[in-house]
Protein backbone atom coordinates (compact mmCIF):
# COMPACT_ATOMS: atom_id res chain seq x y z
CA MET A 1 91.28 95.05 94.40
CA VAL A 2 93.33 91.75 94.19
CA TYR A 3 90.28 89.83 92.36
CA GLY A 4 89.88 93.38 90.28
CA SER A 5 93.73 93.16 89.61
CA LEU A 6 93.57 89.57 88.01
CA LEU A 7 90.76 90.43 85.90
CA PHE A 8 92.59 93.35 85.01
CA LEU A 9 95.46 91.73 83.49
CA VAL A 10 93.59 89.34 81.24
CA ALA A 11 90.43 91.78 80.29
CA VAL A 12 93.45 94.33 79.66
CA GLY A 13 95.01 91.92 76.85
CA LEU A 14 91.53 90.92 75.24
CA THR A 15 90.25 94.58 74.61
CA MET A 16 94.09 95.43 73.37
CA VAL A 17 93.86 92.91 70.80
CA TYR A 18 90.28 94.24 69.90
CA GLY A 19 91.86 97.49 69.58
CA VAL A 20 94.47 96.86 67.09
CA LEU A 21 93.18 93.63 65.40
CA ARG A 22 89.56 94.71 65.73
CA ILE A 23 88.80 90.73 66.49
CA LEU A 24 86.75 89.50 70.04
CA ASN A 25 89.13 86.92 70.41
CA ILE A 26 86.79 84.30 72.55
CA ALA A 27 90.12 81.68 73.15
CA HIS A 28 91.77 84.62 75.13
CA GLY A 29 90.22 82.38 78.26
CA SER A 30 92.91 79.71 77.04
CA PHE A 31 95.86 81.35 76.92
CA TYR A 32 95.30 82.71 80.38
CA ALA A 33 95.17 78.90 81.45
CA LEU A 34 98.20 78.08 79.63
CA GLY A 35 99.83 80.96 81.40
CA ALA A 36 99.01 79.12 84.65
CA TYR A 37 99.58 75.59 83.43
CA VAL A 38 103.04 76.51 82.04
CA GLY A 39 103.71 78.64 85.27
CA VAL A 40 102.64 75.79 87.67
CA VAL A 41 104.97 73.51 85.73
CA LEU A 42 108.06 75.39 86.24
CA GLY A 43 107.65 76.96 89.04
CA LEU A 44 107.07 72.88 90.58
CA PHE A 45 110.42 72.35 88.65
CA VAL A 46 112.97 75.12 89.89
CA THR A 47 111.11 74.17 93.14
CA GLN A 48 111.79 70.58 93.35
CA THR A 49 113.95 70.10 91.07
CA LEU A 50 116.50 72.99 91.61
CA GLY A 51 115.66 72.94 95.18
CA ASN A 52 115.14 76.63 95.29
CA PRO A 53 111.88 78.10 95.59
CA TRP A 54 112.67 82.27 95.01
CA LEU A 55 113.51 80.74 91.44
CA SER A 56 109.23 80.37 90.93
CA TYR A 57 109.11 83.55 90.90
CA PRO A 58 110.90 83.96 87.65
CA ALA A 59 109.68 81.11 86.28
CA LEU A 60 105.87 82.69 86.64
CA LEU A 61 107.03 85.30 84.34
CA LEU A 62 109.07 83.60 81.64
CA ALA A 63 105.74 81.21 81.45
CA ALA A 64 104.15 84.08 80.39
CA VAL A 65 106.59 84.97 78.31
CA LEU A 66 106.65 81.44 76.38
CA VAL A 67 102.94 81.88 76.00
CA GLY A 68 103.22 84.92 74.45
CA GLY A 69 106.29 84.34 72.68
CA VAL A 70 105.68 81.06 70.95
CA LEU A 71 101.61 80.71 70.63
CA GLY A 72 100.89 84.34 70.25
CA PRO A 73 102.87 84.83 66.70
CA LEU A 74 102.01 81.12 66.11
CA VAL A 75 98.02 81.54 66.20
CA GLU A 76 97.91 85.36 64.62
CA ARG A 77 100.08 83.94 61.62
CA PHE A 78 98.11 80.48 61.14
CA VAL A 79 94.57 80.89 61.96
CA LEU A 80 93.65 85.05 62.58
CA ARG A 81 95.65 86.82 59.87
CA TRP A 82 93.26 84.93 57.01
CA ALA A 83 90.22 86.03 59.16
CA TYR A 84 90.63 89.93 59.23
CA ALA A 85 88.65 90.94 56.29
CA ARG A 86 86.21 88.13 57.13
CA PRO A 87 82.31 89.12 59.08
CA GLU A 88 82.34 89.44 62.61
CA VAL A 89 80.36 86.32 62.89
CA LEU A 90 83.08 83.62 61.20
CA GLN A 91 85.81 85.44 63.26
CA LEU A 92 83.93 84.46 66.94
CA LEU A 93 83.24 80.82 65.58
CA ILE A 94 87.27 81.04 64.56
CA THR A 95 88.07 82.14 67.73
CA PHE A 96 85.12 80.11 69.95
CA SER A 97 86.89 76.97 67.95
CA LEU A 98 90.13 77.54 68.48
CA PHE A 99 89.30 77.99 72.47
CA LEU A 100 87.79 74.69 72.16
CA ILE A 101 91.27 73.05 70.50
CA LEU A 102 92.81 74.67 73.21
CA GLU A 103 91.01 73.26 76.10
CA ASP A 104 91.31 69.71 74.74
CA VAL A 105 94.93 70.10 74.01
CA GLN A 106 95.38 71.05 77.98
CA LYS A 107 93.86 67.80 78.55
CA LEU A 108 95.99 66.21 76.25
CA VAL A 109 99.32 67.42 77.78
CA PHE A 110 98.80 68.43 81.36
CA GLY A 111 96.35 65.82 82.26
CA VAL A 112 92.93 66.61 84.22
CA GLN A 113 94.21 66.31 87.56
CA PRO A 114 94.37 69.36 89.25
CA TYR A 115 97.70 71.30 89.93
CA PHE A 116 98.93 73.34 93.01
CA LEU A 117 101.48 75.53 93.51
CA ASP A 118 101.64 77.45 97.00
CA ALA A 119 105.38 78.51 97.07
CA PRO A 120 105.65 82.14 95.80
CA PHE A 121 102.25 82.50 97.48
CA GLN A 122 104.22 81.20 101.38
CA LEU A 123 107.37 82.60 100.96
CA LEU A 124 106.14 86.16 100.96
CA GLY A 125 104.00 85.94 104.24
CA SER A 126 101.58 88.45 105.12
CA ALA A 127 101.59 92.11 106.80
CA GLU A 128 98.50 93.96 108.04
CA LEU A 129 96.74 96.56 106.61
CA GLY A 130 94.20 98.40 109.14
CA GLY A 131 94.67 95.66 111.51
CA VAL A 132 93.41 93.39 108.54
CA PRO A 133 96.07 90.79 107.62
CA TYR A 134 96.68 90.32 103.77
CA ALA A 135 98.95 88.13 101.91
CA ARG A 136 102.07 90.15 100.58
CA TYR A 137 101.81 88.07 97.25
CA GLN A 138 98.25 89.66 97.28
CA LEU A 139 99.66 92.98 97.24
CA VAL A 140 102.25 92.05 94.66
CA LEU A 141 99.41 91.57 92.49
CA VAL A 142 97.94 94.86 92.88
CA LEU A 143 101.31 96.66 92.36
CA VAL A 144 101.69 94.48 89.35
CA ALA A 145 98.52 95.49 87.69
CA LEU A 146 99.30 99.03 88.17
CA GLY A 147 102.60 98.70 86.65
CA VAL A 148 100.88 96.67 83.29
CA LEU A 149 98.45 99.77 83.22
CA LEU A 150 101.04 102.51 83.50
CA GLY A 151 103.61 100.33 81.10
CA LEU A 152 101.10 100.15 78.36
CA ARG A 153 99.81 103.60 78.59
CA PHE A 154 103.38 104.65 78.39
CA LEU A 155 104.20 102.31 75.17
CA LEU A 156 101.05 103.82 73.28
CA ARG A 157 101.30 107.18 74.33
CA GLY A 158 104.93 108.06 74.32
CA THR A 159 107.14 105.45 72.41
CA PRO A 160 107.56 105.04 68.43
CA LEU A 161 105.95 101.78 68.41
CA GLY A 162 102.13 103.27 70.50
CA LYS A 163 102.36 105.90 67.74
CA ILE A 164 102.39 103.28 64.94
CA LEU A 165 99.64 100.92 66.76
CA VAL A 166 97.37 104.05 67.20
CA ALA A 167 98.08 105.25 63.48
CA VAL A 168 96.89 101.52 62.85
CA VAL A 169 93.69 101.61 64.62
CA ALA A 170 92.98 105.10 62.87
CA ASP A 171 93.25 104.09 59.52
CA ARG A 172 94.92 101.01 58.70
CA GLU A 173 94.99 102.30 55.10
CA MET A 174 97.02 105.85 55.03
CA ALA A 175 99.60 104.00 57.51
CA GLN A 176 99.64 101.12 54.94
CA ALA A 177 100.73 103.99 52.45
CA LEU A 178 102.69 105.78 54.59
CA GLY A 179 104.81 102.48 54.56
CA VAL A 180 103.74 100.79 57.89
CA ASN A 181 104.17 96.97 58.15
CA ALA A 182 100.59 96.49 59.28
CA GLY A 183 100.58 92.69 59.35
CA ARG A 184 103.76 92.82 61.88
CA VAL A 185 101.67 95.88 63.66
CA TYR A 186 98.99 93.32 64.40
CA LEU A 187 101.44 90.20 64.99
CA LEU A 188 103.29 92.20 68.26
CA ALA A 189 99.82 93.50 69.34
CA PHE A 190 98.20 90.09 69.26
CA SER A 191 101.35 88.76 70.55
CA LEU A 192 101.16 91.01 73.75
CA GLY A 193 97.88 90.44 74.56
CA VAL A 194 98.62 86.87 74.86
CA GLY A 195 101.28 87.73 76.91
CA LEU A 196 99.26 89.93 79.10
CA ALA A 197 96.64 87.09 79.43
CA ALA A 198 99.03 84.81 80.36
CA LEU A 199 100.77 86.44 82.61
CA GLY A 200 97.48 86.81 84.44
CA GLY A 201 97.39 83.11 84.77
CA ALA A 202 100.87 82.51 85.62
CA LEU A 203 100.18 84.84 88.18
CA ALA A 204 96.90 83.60 89.42
CA SER A 205 98.23 80.39 89.71
CA PRO A 206 99.31 80.33 93.19
CA THR A 207 96.68 81.49 94.57
CA VAL A 208 94.00 79.17 92.71
CA THR A 209 93.60 75.42 91.96
CA ILE A 210 94.51 74.64 88.15
CA ALA A 211 92.24 72.05 86.36
CA PRO A 212 90.20 72.25 83.04
CA GLY A 213 87.87 74.97 82.43
CA LEU A 214 89.40 77.84 84.55
CA GLY A 215 90.01 79.56 80.62
CA ALA A 216 85.76 79.48 80.36
CA GLU A 217 85.47 81.08 83.59
CA VAL A 218 87.45 83.74 83.13
CA ILE A 219 86.86 84.99 79.80
CA VAL A 220 83.46 85.54 80.31
CA LEU A 221 84.51 87.88 83.42
CA SER A 222 86.76 89.83 80.89
CA PHE A 223 84.13 90.09 78.57
CA ALA A 224 81.98 91.73 81.32
CA VAL A 225 85.04 93.93 82.30
CA VAL A 226 85.80 95.04 78.58
CA ALA A 227 81.84 95.69 78.15
CA VAL A 228 81.92 98.19 81.46
CA GLY A 229 85.00 99.98 80.52
CA GLY A 230 84.16 100.06 76.77
CA LEU A 231 85.63 98.27 73.75
CA GLY A 232 89.38 99.18 73.36
CA GLN A 233 89.90 101.02 76.48
CA ILE A 234 93.09 100.13 78.52
CA GLU A 235 91.89 102.83 81.29
CA GLY A 236 88.05 101.60 80.90
CA ALA A 237 89.43 97.89 81.67
CA ALA A 238 91.29 99.16 84.65
CA ILE A 239 88.12 100.68 85.69
CA GLY A 240 85.81 97.79 84.98
CA ALA A 241 87.89 95.30 86.84
CA LEU A 242 88.07 97.34 89.83
CA LEU A 243 84.09 98.46 89.46
CA ILE A 244 83.09 94.15 89.08
CA GLY A 245 85.99 92.85 91.74
CA LEU A 246 84.86 95.65 94.29
CA GLY A 247 81.27 94.26 93.76
CA ARG A 248 82.09 90.46 94.15
CA SER A 249 83.83 91.07 97.27
CA LEU A 250 81.35 92.96 98.75
CA ALA A 251 78.77 90.69 97.59
CA VAL A 252 80.65 87.92 99.38
CA TYR A 253 80.60 89.89 102.58
CA LEU A 254 76.40 91.15 102.22
CA VAL A 255 74.91 88.96 99.78
CA PRO A 256 76.78 85.65 99.57
CA GLU A 257 74.10 84.13 97.37
CA LEU A 258 74.60 86.82 94.31
CA ASP A 259 78.35 86.45 94.26
CA VAL A 260 78.11 84.80 91.06
CA VAL A 261 75.79 87.62 89.14
CA VAL A 262 77.05 90.53 90.63
CA PRO A 263 79.32 91.34 88.19
CA TYR A 264 77.19 90.83 85.08
CA LEU A 265 74.64 92.91 86.92
CA VAL A 266 77.26 95.48 87.18
CA MET A 267 77.96 95.36 83.55
CA VAL A 268 73.51 95.68 82.35
CA LEU A 269 73.70 98.87 84.70
CA VAL A 270 76.57 100.25 83.03
CA LEU A 271 75.50 99.35 79.47
CA LEU A 272 71.73 100.72 80.28
CA VAL A 273 72.99 104.24 80.98
CA ARG A 274 76.04 104.05 78.71
CA PRO A 275 75.58 101.15 75.75
CA VAL A 276 79.11 101.85 74.58
CA GLY A 277 81.10 101.47 77.99
CA LEU A 278 82.31 104.05 80.57
CA LEU A 279 85.47 105.21 78.39
CA GLY A 280 83.69 103.74 74.87
CA THR A 281 82.99 106.16 72.44
CA VAL A 282 80.92 105.83 69.32
CA GLU A 283 82.95 105.01 66.36
CA VAL A 284 82.29 106.01 62.60
CA ARG A 285 82.22 102.64 60.40
CA ARG A 286 82.93 101.73 56.67
CA ILE A 287 80.28 99.07 55.05
């Protein structure tokens, strides 16, 4: 469930961006990696310079806000905005090019040496559940993922902004005719998706080694989660992340040699039965 929670935080941002902008953002994994790098740098700063390791927790959240609030609008405004009406193949090439650029930017800014930040993980200690010790930080990750799921559901179904998002997704031209600024909605949705990816990276940074290539692995797994749950489905992303997380954990204990391929086996099995994903629906498209 811990592994699935981290996957969900990244995949839900990916599926939200697709649900609103209708763009499969291959560069999404780079935002995860940038969130991890910025989180580690800020966490090390407050821990070593200010001498207060407890400040590393707000530092991780601040990293997600910085990446989502600064990089998200810049990428949407200057890279994606002119590509909305382009063919899907061109959109994929654009986001793939952005992924390659961001990967090199990470190496230029942060270098190629691994980064470590274990203060948030160590401070909370461990607890026993059913006689099995678990790090409390891992249990917090599950609660954060649940909070994000409930928060997004409330945003989309219980707020005026959510209703505007749904309206733009359903019929952009009609929403614009009623006075909705679709460009601003796209900007907000993409920035939120980037922020969620960065949040996943920042919260994962105390549990993994931060090094080049981190984003590539995550984006592949995120696509598997989105495919299992259904494109554009937030609840589907939660179910897909849980299935893949549990499947990979079972493989570690039962069949370790299949650890790497289990997420894709789960994806193939689901798509054989439900080609649109577990909660996906067949869409009518204008051509």
